[in-house]
């Protein structure tokens, strides 16, 4: 039998996701916000892997691992594009504070 039950993985995943959501809501630094989004994506990855492991014990396919690879690719693209946007905004405004960014307002 499994040494660690799936519920523990899901509780850890929910806790990590809640910490990420809290960081996105509370923090004003966009780099910290991106790190919190990454934490939320990793929490989803942990849940995918926990369910994939449970299904693998039942003889199912590896769909959970495929979803994890897809989420990791999206996270890598998000980091690359997000950090590029942050650098461009910093060069234009000399600040990266989220409260002071109003570039899209007319």
Protein backbone atom coordinates (compact mmCIF):
# COMPACT_ATOMS: atom_id res chain seq x y z
CA UNK A 1 0.00 0.00 0.00
CA UNK A 2 0.99 3.63 -0.34
CA UNK A 3 3.10 5.05 2.50
CA UNK A 4 1.55 8.53 2.25
CA UNK A 5 -2.19 8.84 1.52
CA UNK A 6 -3.36 11.04 -1.35
CA UNK A 7 -5.25 13.30 1.05
CA UNK A 8 -1.96 14.57 2.50
CA UNK A 9 -0.74 15.57 -0.95
CA UNK A 10 -4.03 17.34 -1.64
CA UNK A 11 -3.95 19.16 1.70
CA UNK A 12 -0.40 20.34 0.98
CA UNK A 13 -1.47 21.37 -2.52
CA UNK A 14 -4.43 23.34 -1.16
CA UNK A 15 -2.21 25.04 1.43
CA UNK A 16 0.35 25.99 -1.23
CA UNK A 17 -2.39 27.33 -3.49
CA UNK A 18 -3.90 29.37 -0.65
CA UNK A 19 -0.47 30.85 0.14
CA UNK A 20 -0.08 31.81 -3.52
CA UNK A 21 -3.49 33.46 -3.68
CA UNK A 22 -2.77 35.35 -0.46
CA UNK A 23 0.52 36.59 -1.87
CA UNK A 24 -1.10 37.75 -5.11
CA UNK A 25 -3.79 39.64 -3.22
CA UNK A 26 -1.55 41.21 -0.55
CA UNK A 27 1.77 41.97 -2.24
CA UNK A 28 2.42 44.97 -4.52
CA UNK A 29 5.77 43.97 -6.02
CA UNK A 30 5.19 42.33 -9.44
CA UNK A 31 8.16 39.98 -9.04
CA UNK A 32 6.70 38.65 -5.79
CA UNK A 33 3.31 38.38 -7.49
CA UNK A 34 4.88 36.28 -10.25
CA UNK A 35 6.52 34.06 -7.63
CA UNK A 36 3.13 33.59 -5.95
CA UNK A 37 1.58 32.66 -9.30
CA UNK A 38 4.38 30.12 -9.75
CA UNK A 39 3.54 28.74 -6.29
CA UNK A 40 -0.08 28.35 -7.36
CA UNK A 41 0.95 26.54 -10.54
CA UNK A 42 3.20 24.22 -8.54
CA UNK A 43 0.30 23.49 -6.20
CA UNK A 44 -1.78 22.48 -9.20
CA UNK A 45 1.12 20.32 -10.41
CA UNK A 46 1.27 18.56 -7.05
CA UNK A 47 -2.45 17.80 -7.23
CA UNK A 48 -2.10 16.53 -10.81
CA UNK A 49 0.75 14.24 -9.78
CA UNK A 50 -1.11 12.97 -6.72
CA UNK A 51 -4.12 12.04 -8.84
CA UNK A 52 -1.88 10.54 -11.53
CA UNK A 53 -0.14 8.40 -8.93
CA UNK A 54 -3.47 7.19 -7.60
CA UNK A 55 -4.71 6.39 -11.10
CA UNK A 56 -1.43 4.64 -11.98
CA UNK A 57 -1.99 2.26 -9.09
CA UNK A 58 -5.33 1.42 -10.70
CA UNK A 59 -3.68 0.77 -14.07
CA UNK A 60 -4.53 4.04 -15.85
CA UNK A 61 -2.45 6.02 -18.34
CA UNK A 62 0.01 8.87 -17.63
CA UNK A 63 -2.31 11.81 -18.36
CA UNK A 64 -1.43 13.55 -15.08
CA UNK A 65 2.24 13.75 -15.99
CA UNK A 66 1.34 15.20 -19.39
CA UNK A 67 -0.69 17.94 -17.70
CA UNK A 68 2.23 18.71 -15.39
CA UNK A 69 4.58 19.14 -18.35
CA UNK A 70 2.02 21.43 -20.02
CA UNK A 71 1.68 23.54 -16.86
CA UNK A 72 5.47 23.78 -16.57
CA UNK A 73 5.69 25.02 -20.16
CA UNK A 74 3.02 27.66 -19.47
CA UNK A 75 4.87 28.71 -16.30
CA UNK A 76 8.14 29.10 -18.19
CA UNK A 77 6.45 31.23 -20.84
CA UNK A 78 4.74 33.31 -18.15
CA UNK A 79 8.05 34.02 -16.43
CA UNK A 80 9.80 34.99 -19.65
CA UNK A 81 7.07 37.31 -20.86
CA UNK A 82 6.26 38.70 -17.41
CA UNK A 83 9.82 39.59 -16.57
CA UNK A 84 10.23 41.22 -19.99
CA UNK A 85 7.17 43.36 -19.33
CA UNK A 86 8.45 44.29 -15.86
CA UNK A 87 11.82 45.36 -17.27
CA UNK A 88 10.12 47.44 -19.99
CA UNK A 89 7.85 49.15 -17.45
CA UNK A 90 10.78 49.83 -15.12
CA UNK A 91 12.73 51.47 -17.94
CA UNK A 92 9.73 53.64 -18.80
CA UNK A 93 8.51 54.58 -15.29
CA UNK A 94 11.52 53.96 -12.98
CA UNK A 95 9.24 52.01 -10.63
CA UNK A 96 7.66 48.57 -10.56
CA UNK A 97 5.10 49.24 -7.83
CA UNK A 98 1.77 47.80 -8.96
CA UNK A 99 -0.22 50.66 -7.42
CA UNK A 100 1.66 53.24 -9.53
CA UNK A 101 1.28 51.45 -12.86
CA UNK A 102 -1.38 53.06 -15.01
CA UNK A 103 0.08 52.55 -18.47
CA UNK A 104 -3.17 51.33 -19.99
CA UNK A 105 -5.24 54.32 -18.85
CA UNK A 106 -6.00 57.06 -21.35
